[in-house]
Amino acid sequence: MTEPVPPSGSKHQPVINDAASCNKKSTGDAESSHGNIAQETAVVVDSAAERALCRKFDFRLLPVLALMYLFNALDKGNLGNAQTAGLSKDLNFKSGQYNLIVGIFFVPYVVFAPPLALLGKKIGPSRMLPILMFSFGSFTLLTAATHNFSGIFALRFFLGAVESAFFPLVIFYLTTFYRRSELARRLAIFYAASNIANAFSGLLAFGVFQIKSNLVDHPWRWLFIIEGTLTVLFAIFVFFYLPKSAAEARFLNEEEKALAYHRIQVDSSSIVNEAFNLKESLQIFKRPSTYGFLLIEIALGVPIQSVALFLPQIVQRIVKDTVKVNLYTVAPNITGAVTLLILAFSSDLLRIRFPFICLGFALSFTGFIIYAAIDDVQRQRQLAYYSTFMMTWGTSAPSVLLSTWYNNNVAHEGQRLTLTSVGVPLANLMGLVSSNVFREQDKPKYEPAIITTASYGGFGFIVAACLGFYMMFDNKRRNRRQGVNLSARDVPTSRLRDGPKVDDFRWFL
């Protein structure tokens, strides 16, 4: 397979950074067999040029992608807000039917994510993302017109289908613009939109529920009308705005395009913009590490979905006023976004992922355990409310860092997207667990659900720690065998198409 030719016409000459070779030992045998590694890694452009390029990507891409995800999170999570305003009562739901419409979302979310994500690789994420956004905005808008369980059940099914590939495609799209060590904080800024959306949805719901109008029979319908309309309109704008790739970005000159290509070639992909091959992409499931990552996704999914879907119900135990419930979800979600940014920036700075993922699991586990241990919530309201902050702190960061972690360790673009399109929906599938353990008969404490969620958090901590320590051990073993002292940053990704099968492969911890 031939490599794509980098953008032509560039006069840019990469600058050699001698500091990159400092980790290499001066042993004779290692010099002959691995002497090119440090040199290849050293062929990077000057830091000032890279910072300027990243600033362009940051200002041109991140705000738009973050807004897209904000609308995505609003359209996915507004059901909980509508429920606090009497959705089940107004549509005459029978016992358990609300849990069914929450749960049905996750079935198509898992089934349709891989094929839609792979289709997105073929036609380009810059085109597929706005198409998906237009679709889920339309289904949200239609939800305002439903009058029975069957109607809203069907719309939630289609909503799950069209939202399924959105996050995996955004992750893949960003890996074609940023180096591995730059990715976590960018994804964090993007993902923080979800926390802001959860907070904003509470404020928006509070305001919308005050609307007095004869145009609709129930105030919660306005929530779907407003959010759906804004989503559809923004999707139309995004379709014409997003660049197909760095090489085709109108806001870059030829020199910057060549620089962007070089960055991804040495520190993200083995072959930049490689044509999708299904057979090759499925080889990712022959790696044992893949199943470790997927186990962590499963463990992470339950705490994330419990907080995303049921935080208003959890807070309802602390705050009896229905109107104030949505307001009390704002602060935990805002601080969750701040925690996400702090951990993601720290992770990029230290170029390490798994300890911060473990920290997130520990925070959420502690938050749910504290909440479950409180019997008299009125006497310990502050502690109970504080525990909801720990829940959001712990569930915010691991999702971004986990996706970044396994994307950092897969240089093959097709395999990277395939793993992401299975892993992310798998975490969301755990919403089926959350939606079935938070039962009406257990309210307001929801003790079985809270304990179940905490257990998944504890399990995730153990698996993430074990996988991380294995990677550390394997890196040291490879260094001993080769007589060198290399880390992931010292090996260009252009050499890592076959992953751990390559002798020079080093895990990005």
Protein backbone atom coordinates (compact mmCIF):
# COMPACT_ATOMS: atom_id res chain seq x y z
CA MET A 1 0.00 0.00 0.00
CA THR A 2 1.40 3.37 -0.97
CA GLU A 3 1.44 6.36 1.31
CA PRO A 4 -0.51 9.48 0.32
CA VAL A 5 1.70 12.25 -0.95
CA PRO A 6 1.89 15.19 1.47
CA PRO A 7 0.61 18.58 0.35
CA SER A 8 2.73 19.88 -2.49
CA GLY A 9 4.30 23.25 -2.94
CA SER A 10 5.57 23.55 0.61
CA LYS A 11 8.87 25.27 1.17
CA HIS A 12 8.88 24.32 4.81
CA GLN A 13 11.99 22.47 5.97
CA PRO A 14 11.60 20.55 9.25
CA VAL A 15 13.94 21.57 12.03
CA ILE A 16 16.00 18.93 13.78
CA ASN A 17 15.52 18.88 17.51
CA ASP A 18 18.60 17.24 19.02
CA ALA A 19 16.95 16.99 22.42
CA ALA A 20 14.74 14.21 21.13
CA SER A 21 17.65 11.79 21.12
CA CYS A 22 18.50 12.19 24.80
CA ASN A 23 16.63 9.05 25.86
CA LYS A 24 18.73 6.78 23.66
CA LYS A 25 21.54 4.80 25.25
CA SER A 26 24.92 4.78 23.57
CA THR A 27 25.32 1.02 23.29
CA GLY A 28 26.93 -0.23 20.08
CA ASP A 29 24.36 -2.86 19.09
CA ALA A 30 21.46 -0.59 19.84
CA GLU A 31 23.06 2.13 17.75
CA SER A 32 23.14 -0.06 14.69
CA SER A 33 19.66 -1.53 14.95
CA HIS A 34 17.76 1.42 16.40
CA GLY A 35 19.84 4.41 15.45
CA ASN A 36 17.15 5.82 13.19
CA ILE A 37 14.45 6.00 15.84
CA ALA A 38 15.62 9.10 17.64
CA GLN A 39 16.57 10.73 14.37
CA GLU A 40 13.12 10.10 12.88
CA THR A 41 11.47 11.43 16.00
CA ALA A 42 13.78 14.46 15.89
CA VAL A 43 12.54 15.49 12.47
CA VAL A 44 9.89 17.82 13.85
CA VAL A 45 9.30 21.41 13.01
CA ASP A 46 10.04 24.27 15.37
CA SER A 47 7.74 24.64 18.33
CA ALA A 48 6.68 28.18 17.40
CA ALA A 49 5.34 27.02 14.04
CA GLU A 50 3.50 24.12 15.68
CA ARG A 51 1.96 26.34 18.33
CA ALA A 52 0.74 28.76 15.66
CA LEU A 53 -0.78 25.89 13.69
CA CYS A 54 -2.48 24.45 16.77
CA ARG A 55 -3.91 27.86 17.60
CA LYS A 56 -5.50 27.97 14.15
CA PHE A 57 -7.01 24.52 14.65
CA ASP A 58 -8.15 25.47 18.16
CA PHE A 59 -9.95 28.62 17.09
CA ARG A 60 -11.36 27.23 13.85
CA LEU A 61 -12.42 23.74 14.95
CA LEU A 62 -12.88 23.38 18.70
CA PRO A 63 -15.60 26.01 19.30
CA VAL A 64 -17.75 24.62 16.49
CA LEU A 65 -17.24 20.99 17.53
CA ALA A 66 -17.93 21.87 21.16
CA LEU A 67 -21.20 23.57 20.21
CA MET A 68 -22.14 20.53 18.14
CA TYR A 69 -21.57 18.28 21.12
CA LEU A 70 -23.44 20.66 23.39
CA PHE A 71 -26.51 20.29 21.16
CA ASN A 72 -25.91 16.55 20.99
CA ALA A 73 -25.87 16.28 24.79
CA LEU A 74 -28.92 18.53 25.13
CA ASP A 75 -30.94 16.49 22.67
CA LYS A 76 -29.90 13.23 24.32
CA GLY A 77 -30.38 14.26 27.93
CA ASN A 78 -33.45 16.52 27.88
CA LEU A 79 -35.72 13.58 28.66
CA GLY A 80 -34.75 13.71 32.35
CA ASN A 81 -35.67 17.39 32.53
CA ALA A 82 -38.99 16.74 30.81
CA GLN A 83 -39.69 13.93 33.28
CA THR A 84 -39.37 16.30 36.22
CA ALA A 85 -42.04 18.47 34.55
CA GLY A 86 -44.55 15.65 34.32
CA LEU A 87 -43.77 13.91 31.00
CA SER A 88 -44.87 10.46 32.22
CA LYS A 89 -48.06 11.80 33.76
CA ASP A 90 -49.01 13.94 30.76
CA LEU A 91 -48.54 11.06 28.29
CA ASN A 92 -50.20 8.54 30.62
CA PHE A 93 -47.21 6.23 30.92
CA LYS A 94 -47.72 2.96 32.73
CA SER A 95 -45.32 1.73 35.40
CA GLY A 96 -41.86 1.12 33.94
CA GLN A 97 -42.54 2.76 30.56
CA TYR A 98 -40.34 5.77 31.27
CA ASN A 99 -37.42 3.42 31.93
CA LEU A 100 -38.17 1.74 28.60
CA ILE A 101 -37.92 4.96 26.60
CA VAL A 102 -34.69 5.79 28.41
CA GLY A 103 -33.28 2.32 27.75
CA ILE A 104 -34.33 1.89 24.12
CA PHE A 105 -32.01 4.73 23.11
CA PHE A 106 -28.95 2.59 23.80
CA VAL A 107 -29.84 -0.43 21.66
CA PRO A 108 -29.56 1.32 18.26
CA TYR A 109 -26.74 3.42 19.73
CA VAL A 110 -24.59 0.28 19.85
CA VAL A 111 -25.93 -1.45 16.73
CA PHE A 112 -25.58 1.50 14.36
CA ALA A 113 -22.38 3.10 15.69
CA PRO A 114 -19.79 0.94 13.85
CA PRO A 115 -21.45 1.01 10.38
CA LEU A 116 -22.24 4.74 10.56
CA ALA A 117 -18.73 5.55 11.83
CA LEU A 118 -17.12 3.51 9.06
CA LEU A 119 -19.40 5.21 6.53
CA GLY A 120 -18.22 8.48 8.02
CA LYS A 121 -14.60 7.45 7.37
CA LYS A 122 -15.49 6.80 3.75
CA ILE A 123 -17.36 10.04 3.00
CA GLY A 124 -15.41 12.11 5.52
CA PRO A 125 -16.23 13.13 9.11
CA SER A 126 -16.66 16.75 8.04
CA ARG A 127 -19.70 15.72 6.00
CA MET A 128 -21.04 12.91 8.14
CA LEU A 129 -21.06 14.87 11.41
CA PRO A 130 -23.45 17.63 10.25
CA ILE A 131 -25.69 15.02 8.59
CA LEU A 132 -25.95 13.18 11.90
CA MET A 133 -26.53 16.45 13.73
CA PHE A 134 -29.33 17.49 11.37
CA SER A 135 -30.94 14.07 11.90
CA PHE A 136 -30.89 14.03 15.70
CA GLY A 137 -32.08 17.64 15.78
CA SER A 138 -35.04 16.68 13.61
CA PHE A 139 -35.99 13.75 15.84
CA THR A 140 -35.76 15.98 18.91
CA LEU A 141 -38.07 18.48 17.25
CA LEU A 142 -40.55 15.74 16.40
CA THR A 143 -40.60 14.61 20.04
CA ALA A 144 -42.51 17.78 20.86
CA ALA A 145 -45.40 16.45 18.77
CA THR A 146 -45.73 13.07 20.48
CA HIS A 147 -48.88 12.24 22.41
CA ASN A 148 -48.33 8.67 23.59
CA PHE A 149 -45.74 6.13 24.64
CA SER A 150 -45.43 4.51 21.20
CA GLY A 151 -44.57 7.77 19.48
CA ILE A 152 -41.85 8.83 21.88
CA PHE A 153 -40.50 5.27 22.05
CA ALA A 154 -40.02 5.17 18.26
CA LEU A 155 -38.37 8.60 18.17
CA ARG A 156 -35.94 7.69 20.95
CA PHE A 157 -34.96 4.61 18.93
CA PHE A 158 -34.12 6.69 15.85
CA LEU A 159 -32.43 9.32 18.00
CA GLY A 160 -30.11 6.65 19.40
CA ALA A 161 -29.29 5.44 15.88
CA VAL A 162 -28.26 8.83 14.48
CA GLU A 163 -26.37 9.92 17.60
CA SER A 164 -24.40 6.67 17.82
CA ALA A 165 -21.45 7.55 15.57
CA PHE A 166 -21.18 11.22 16.53
CA PHE A 167 -18.64 11.03 19.35
CA PRO A 168 -16.43 8.33 17.72
CA LEU A 169 -16.26 10.38 14.52
CA VAL A 170 -15.34 13.57 16.37
CA ILE A 171 -12.52 11.74 18.18
CA PHE A 172 -11.21 10.34 14.91
CA TYR A 173 -11.57 13.72 13.19
CA LEU A 174 -9.45 15.40 15.87
CA THR A 175 -6.74 12.71 15.64
CA THR A 176 -6.16 13.89 12.05
CA PHE A 177 -5.30 17.40 13.25
CA TYR A 178 -3.47 16.96 16.58
CA ARG A 179 -0.48 15.04 17.92
CA ARG A 180 -1.05 12.32 20.50
CA SER A 181 0.19 14.47 23.37
CA GLU A 182 -2.12 17.32 22.31
CA LEU A 183 -5.30 15.29 22.02
CA ALA A 184 -6.61 14.88 25.58
CA ARG A 185 -6.99 18.57 26.37
CA ARG A 186 -8.67 19.23 23.02
CA LEU A 187 -11.08 16.37 23.56
CA ALA A 188 -11.64 17.67 27.07
CA ILE A 189 -12.64 21.09 25.76
CA PHE A 190 -14.95 19.36 23.33
CA TYR A 191 -16.36 16.97 25.94
CA ALA A 192 -16.77 19.72 28.52
CA ALA A 193 -19.62 20.87 26.33
CA SER A 194 -21.49 17.80 27.57
CA ASN A 195 -21.12 18.90 31.19
CA ILE A 196 -22.05 22.45 30.28
CA ALA A 197 -25.03 21.08 28.38
CA ASN A 198 -26.14 19.13 31.44
CA ALA A 199 -25.82 22.29 33.51
CA PHE A 200 -27.37 24.51 30.85
CA SER A 201 -30.21 22.04 30.34
CA GLY A 202 -31.17 22.58 33.96
CA LEU A 203 -31.19 26.35 33.52
CA LEU A 204 -32.95 26.10 30.17
CA ALA A 205 -35.54 23.71 31.57
CA PHE A 206 -36.12 26.02 34.52
CA GLY A 207 -36.76 28.94 32.16
CA VAL A 208 -38.80 26.98 29.62
CA PHE A 209 -41.07 25.50 32.27
CA GLN A 210 -42.11 29.03 33.19
CA ILE A 211 -43.54 29.64 29.71
CA LYS A 212 -47.27 30.13 29.77
CA SER A 213 -48.71 29.66 26.31
CA ASN A 214 -51.83 28.27 24.69
CA LEU A 215 -49.78 27.03 21.70
CA VAL A 216 -48.79 23.83 23.49
CA ASP A 217 -50.62 21.85 26.15
CA HIS A 218 -47.57 21.10 28.34
CA PRO A 219 -44.49 23.26 29.05
CA TRP A 220 -41.99 20.42 28.48
CA ARG A 221 -42.88 20.42 24.76
CA TRP A 222 -41.16 23.80 24.43
CA LEU A 223 -37.93 22.17 25.57
CA PHE A 224 -37.89 19.84 22.55
CA ILE A 225 -39.05 22.58 20.17
CA ILE A 226 -36.33 25.05 21.17
CA GLU A 227 -33.46 22.56 21.37
CA GLY A 228 -34.43 20.71 18.20
CA THR A 229 -34.77 23.88 16.12
CA LEU A 230 -31.41 25.27 17.22
CA THR A 231 -29.73 21.94 16.47
CA VAL A 232 -31.10 21.74 12.92
CA LEU A 233 -30.12 25.31 12.08
CA PHE A 234 -26.58 24.88 13.42
CA ALA A 235 -26.13 21.61 11.50
CA ILE A 236 -26.77 23.44 8.21
CA PHE A 237 -24.06 25.98 9.05
CA VAL A 238 -21.55 23.28 10.07
CA PHE A 239 -22.01 21.37 6.81
CA PHE A 240 -20.40 24.24 4.90
CA TYR A 241 -17.90 25.20 7.62
CA LEU A 242 -15.85 22.13 8.63
CA PRO A 243 -12.74 21.40 6.51
CA LYS A 244 -12.50 17.90 5.06
CA SER A 245 -8.91 17.60 6.29
CA ALA A 246 -5.92 19.73 7.22
CA ALA A 247 -4.68 19.40 3.64
CA GLU A 248 -7.91 20.93 2.35
CA ALA A 249 -8.43 23.58 5.03
CA ARG A 250 -8.92 26.95 3.35
CA PHE A 251 -7.52 28.77 6.37
CA LEU A 252 -4.05 27.13 5.96
CA ASN A 253 -1.36 28.02 3.44
CA GLU A 254 0.73 25.38 1.67
CA GLU A 255 3.53 25.53 4.21
CA GLU A 256 1.09 24.99 7.08
CA LYS A 257 -0.57 22.10 5.24
CA ALA A 258 2.80 20.37 4.85
CA LEU A 259 3.51 20.93 8.52
CA ALA A 260 0.11 19.52 9.51
CA TYR A 261 0.75 16.41 7.39
CA HIS A 262 4.18 15.85 8.95
CA ARG A 263 2.86 16.16 12.51
CA ILE A 264 0.22 13.48 12.01
CA GLN A 265 2.62 11.19 10.11
CA VAL A 266 5.12 11.07 12.98
CA ASP A 267 2.77 11.35 15.97
CA SER A 268 -0.70 10.03 15.20
CA SER A 269 -1.17 7.86 12.11
CA SER A 270 0.94 5.25 10.34
CA ILE A 271 -0.51 6.36 6.98
CA VAL A 272 -2.26 9.73 6.86
CA ASN A 273 -5.74 9.71 5.30
CA GLU A 274 -5.48 6.01 4.55
CA ALA A 275 -8.36 4.53 2.55
CA PHE A 276 -10.63 2.41 4.72
CA ASN A 277 -10.15 -1.37 4.55
CA LEU A 278 -12.62 -3.39 6.65
CA LYS A 279 -10.53 -6.55 6.83
CA GLU A 280 -7.47 -4.67 8.08
CA SER A 281 -9.50 -2.60 10.49
CA LEU A 282 -11.00 -5.65 12.17
CA GLN A 283 -7.49 -6.85 13.04
CA ILE A 284 -7.72 -4.57 16.07
CA PHE A 285 -9.75 -7.31 17.77
CA LYS A 286 -6.74 -9.63 17.67
CA ARG A 287 -4.97 -7.43 20.23
CA PRO A 288 -5.49 -8.53 23.86
CA SER A 289 -5.25 -4.89 24.99
CA THR A 290 -8.41 -4.15 23.01
CA TYR A 291 -10.48 -6.18 25.45
CA GLY A 292 -8.92 -4.44 28.41
CA PHE A 293 -9.98 -1.09 26.96
CA LEU A 294 -13.49 -2.40 26.26
CA LEU A 295 -13.83 -3.72 29.82
CA ILE A 296 -12.97 -0.26 31.12
CA GLU A 297 -15.58 1.25 28.77
CA ILE A 298 -18.20 -1.11 30.20
CA ALA A 299 -17.25 -0.25 33.78
CA LEU A 300 -17.22 3.46 32.98
CA GLY A 301 -20.55 3.44 31.18
CA VAL A 302 -22.75 2.80 34.21
CA PRO A 303 -21.51 5.74 36.36
CA ILE A 304 -21.55 8.08 33.35
CA GLN A 305 -25.07 7.17 32.30
CA SER A 306 -26.37 7.15 35.87
CA VAL A 307 -25.20 10.74 36.33
CA ALA A 308 -26.25 11.88 32.85
CA LEU A 309 -29.73 10.37 33.00
CA PHE A 310 -30.66 10.37 36.66
CA LEU A 311 -28.86 13.25 38.37
CA PRO A 312 -32.15 15.24 38.60
CA GLN A 313 -33.77 12.25 40.30
CA ILE A 314 -30.76 11.83 42.64
CA VAL A 315 -30.92 15.52 43.57
CA GLN A 316 -34.68 15.27 44.07
CA ARG A 317 -34.01 13.40 47.30
CA ILE A 318 -32.14 16.47 48.59
CA VAL A 319 -34.36 19.21 47.16
CA LYS A 320 -38.10 18.70 47.37
CA ASP A 321 -39.08 21.71 45.27
CA THR A 322 -39.54 20.41 41.70
CA VAL A 323 -38.66 23.78 40.19
CA LYS A 324 -35.38 23.98 42.11
CA VAL A 325 -34.29 20.42 41.27
CA ASN A 326 -33.03 21.42 37.82
CA LEU A 327 -31.20 24.43 39.27
CA TYR A 328 -29.40 22.21 41.79
CA THR A 329 -27.94 20.09 38.96
CA VAL A 330 -26.11 23.09 37.50
CA ALA A 331 -23.23 23.44 39.99
CA PRO A 332 -22.20 19.73 40.01
CA ASN A 333 -22.08 19.67 36.21
CA ILE A 334 -20.11 22.91 35.96
CA THR A 335 -17.51 21.69 38.46
CA GLY A 336 -17.42 18.39 36.58
CA ALA A 337 -16.41 20.26 33.43
CA VAL A 338 -13.69 22.12 35.35
CA THR A 339 -12.36 18.85 36.80
CA LEU A 340 -12.32 17.34 33.32
CA LEU A 341 -10.21 20.20 31.98
CA ILE A 342 -7.77 20.07 34.90
CA LEU A 343 -7.20 16.31 34.60
CA ALA A 344 -6.98 16.35 30.79
CA PHE A 345 -4.48 19.22 30.68
CA SER A 346 -2.43 17.50 33.40
CA SER A 347 -2.54 14.23 31.46
CA ASP A 348 -1.25 15.89 28.28
CA LEU A 349 1.45 17.75 30.19
CA LEU A 350 2.73 14.54 31.81
CA ARG A 351 2.00 12.39 28.71
CA ILE A 352 0.31 9.72 30.82
CA ARG A 353 -3.32 8.58 30.91
CA PHE A 354 -4.13 5.68 33.20
CA PRO A 355 -3.46 7.26 36.64
CA PHE A 356 -5.92 10.04 35.85
CA ILE A 357 -8.49 7.52 34.64
CA CYS A 358 -8.07 5.62 37.93
CA LEU A 359 -8.48 8.88 39.84
CA GLY A 360 -11.78 9.53 38.08
CA PHE A 361 -13.08 6.08 38.97
CA ALA A 362 -12.03 6.62 42.60
CA LEU A 363 -13.87 9.94 42.82
CA SER A 364 -17.14 8.60 41.39
CA PHE A 365 -16.95 5.44 43.53
CA THR A 366 -16.50 7.57 46.67
CA GLY A 367 -19.35 9.91 45.72
CA PHE A 368 -21.87 7.12 45.19
CA ILE A 369 -20.80 5.31 48.38
CA ILE A 370 -21.19 8.49 50.46
CA TYR A 371 -24.65 9.11 49.00
CA ALA A 372 -25.73 5.51 49.67
CA ALA A 373 -24.48 5.66 53.26
CA ILE A 374 -26.63 8.67 54.19
CA ASP A 375 -29.91 7.65 55.81
CA ASP A 376 -31.27 10.99 57.00
CA VAL A 377 -30.60 13.28 54.05
CA GLN A 378 -32.32 16.28 55.65
CA ARG A 379 -29.83 16.24 58.54
CA GLN A 380 -26.88 15.74 56.16
CA ARG A 381 -28.02 17.73 53.15
CA GLN A 382 -24.67 19.40 52.57
CA LEU A 383 -22.79 16.10 52.58
CA ALA A 384 -25.39 14.49 50.30
CA TYR A 385 -25.20 17.39 47.88
CA TYR A 386 -21.39 17.30 48.01
CA SER A 387 -21.48 13.64 47.01
CA THR A 388 -23.27 14.60 43.78
CA PHE A 389 -20.30 16.85 42.99
CA MET A 390 -17.95 13.89 43.42
CA MET A 391 -20.14 11.86 41.09
CA THR A 392 -19.75 14.43 38.30
CA TRP A 393 -16.04 14.95 39.00
CA GLY A 394 -15.40 11.24 38.65
CA THR A 395 -17.51 10.60 35.57
CA SER A 396 -16.37 13.62 33.55
CA ALA A 397 -12.68 12.92 32.93
CA PRO A 398 -12.31 9.14 32.40
CA SER A 399 -14.40 9.03 29.23
CA VAL A 400 -12.18 11.53 27.41
CA LEU A 401 -8.93 10.13 28.79
CA LEU A 402 -9.91 6.53 28.02
CA SER A 403 -10.78 7.35 24.40
CA THR A 404 -7.53 9.30 24.12
CA TRP A 405 -5.58 6.43 25.71
CA TYR A 406 -6.51 3.78 23.19
CA ASN A 407 -6.39 6.20 20.25
CA ASN A 408 -2.82 7.06 21.32
CA ASN A 409 -1.91 3.37 21.11
CA VAL A 410 -3.37 2.62 17.65
CA ALA A 411 -1.55 4.16 14.66
CA HIS A 412 -3.66 2.46 11.98
CA GLU A 413 -6.48 4.90 11.18
CA GLY A 414 -9.06 2.26 10.29
CA GLN A 415 -8.35 0.23 13.41
CA ARG A 416 -8.42 3.38 15.51
CA LEU A 417 -11.88 4.32 14.27
CA THR A 418 -13.16 0.75 14.55
CA LEU A 419 -12.12 0.46 18.20
CA THR A 420 -13.58 3.87 19.01
CA SER A 421 -16.85 3.11 17.23
CA VAL A 422 -17.26 -0.02 19.36
CA GLY A 423 -15.85 1.28 22.66
CA VAL A 424 -17.78 4.54 22.96
CA PRO A 425 -21.20 2.99 22.17
CA LEU A 426 -20.42 0.11 24.50
CA ALA A 427 -20.07 2.59 27.35
CA ASN A 428 -23.35 4.16 26.33
CA LEU A 429 -25.01 0.74 26.16
CA MET A 430 -24.51 0.59 29.91
CA GLY A 431 -27.33 3.10 30.03
CA LEU A 432 -29.52 -0.01 29.84
CA VAL A 433 -28.14 -1.00 33.23
CA SER A 434 -28.66 2.47 34.68
CA SER A 435 -32.17 2.84 33.30
CA ASN A 436 -33.21 -0.50 34.79
CA VAL A 437 -31.65 -0.18 38.24
CA PHE A 438 -33.10 3.28 38.91
CA ARG A 439 -36.60 2.02 39.65
CA GLU A 440 -39.59 4.03 40.82
CA GLN A 441 -40.13 1.76 43.82
CA ASP A 442 -36.64 2.59 45.13
CA LYS A 443 -37.07 6.36 45.14
CA PRO A 444 -35.99 8.70 46.61
CA LYS A 445 -32.75 7.03 47.80
CA TYR A 446 -32.40 4.55 44.89
CA GLU A 447 -30.10 2.49 47.11
CA PRO A 448 -29.78 -0.61 44.83
CA ALA A 449 -28.98 1.64 41.85
CA ILE A 450 -26.42 3.71 43.75
CA ILE A 451 -24.60 0.64 45.08
CA THR A 452 -24.63 -1.02 41.64
CA THR A 453 -23.18 2.10 40.06
CA ALA A 454 -20.45 2.35 42.70
CA SER A 455 -19.51 -1.31 42.10
CA TYR A 456 -18.96 -0.67 38.40
CA GLY A 457 -16.75 2.28 39.33
CA GLY A 458 -14.62 0.13 41.62
CA PHE A 459 -14.27 -2.55 38.95
CA GLY A 460 -13.17 0.06 36.39
CA PHE A 461 -10.49 1.33 38.76
CA ILE A 462 -9.02 -2.17 39.10
CA VAL A 463 -9.01 -2.94 35.35
CA ALA A 464 -7.52 0.43 34.37
CA ALA A 465 -4.77 0.09 36.98
CA CYS A 466 -3.93 -3.47 35.89
CA LEU A 467 -3.77 -2.52 32.20
CA GLY A 468 -1.64 0.55 32.93
CA PHE A 469 0.87 -1.37 35.05
CA TYR A 470 1.06 -4.09 32.39
CA MET A 471 1.96 -1.44 29.79
CA MET A 472 4.69 -0.06 32.06
CA PHE A 473 6.08 -3.58 32.54
CA ASP A 474 5.95 -4.34 28.80
CA ASN A 475 7.73 -1.10 27.89
CA LYS A 476 10.55 -1.91 30.30
CA ARG A 477 10.77 -5.45 28.95
CA ARG A 478 11.04 -4.19 25.37
CA ASN A 479 13.74 -1.71 26.39
CA ARG A 480 15.77 -4.44 28.12
CA ARG A 481 15.47 -6.70 25.11
CA GLN A 482 16.64 -3.99 22.70
CA GLY A 483 19.19 -2.37 24.98
CA VAL A 484 17.64 1.09 24.64
CA ASN A 485 15.61 3.46 26.76
CA LEU A 486 12.63 4.47 24.61
CA SER A 487 9.16 5.75 25.40
CA ALA A 488 6.16 6.23 23.12
CA ARG A 489 7.27 9.73 22.17
CA ASP A 490 10.56 8.38 20.76
CA VAL A 491 9.00 6.15 18.10
CA PRO A 492 7.29 7.78 15.07
CA THR A 493 3.82 6.41 14.39
CA SER A 494 4.72 5.95 10.71
CA ARG A 495 6.54 2.79 11.88
CA LEU A 496 3.73 1.42 14.04
CA ARG A 497 1.11 0.25 11.57
CA ASP A 498 1.23 -3.29 13.04
CA GLY A 499 1.06 -2.12 16.65
CA PRO A 500 2.66 -4.26 19.39
CA LYS A 501 3.98 -6.71 16.77
CA VAL A 502 6.63 -4.11 15.94
CA ASP A 503 9.74 -4.45 18.10
CA ASP A 504 10.05 -0.67 18.44
CA PHE A 505 6.44 -0.28 19.66
CA ARG A 506 6.06 1.41 23.04
CA TRP A 507 2.79 1.83 24.90
CA PHE A 508 1.53 5.34 25.46
CA LEU A 509 0.79 5.10 29.16
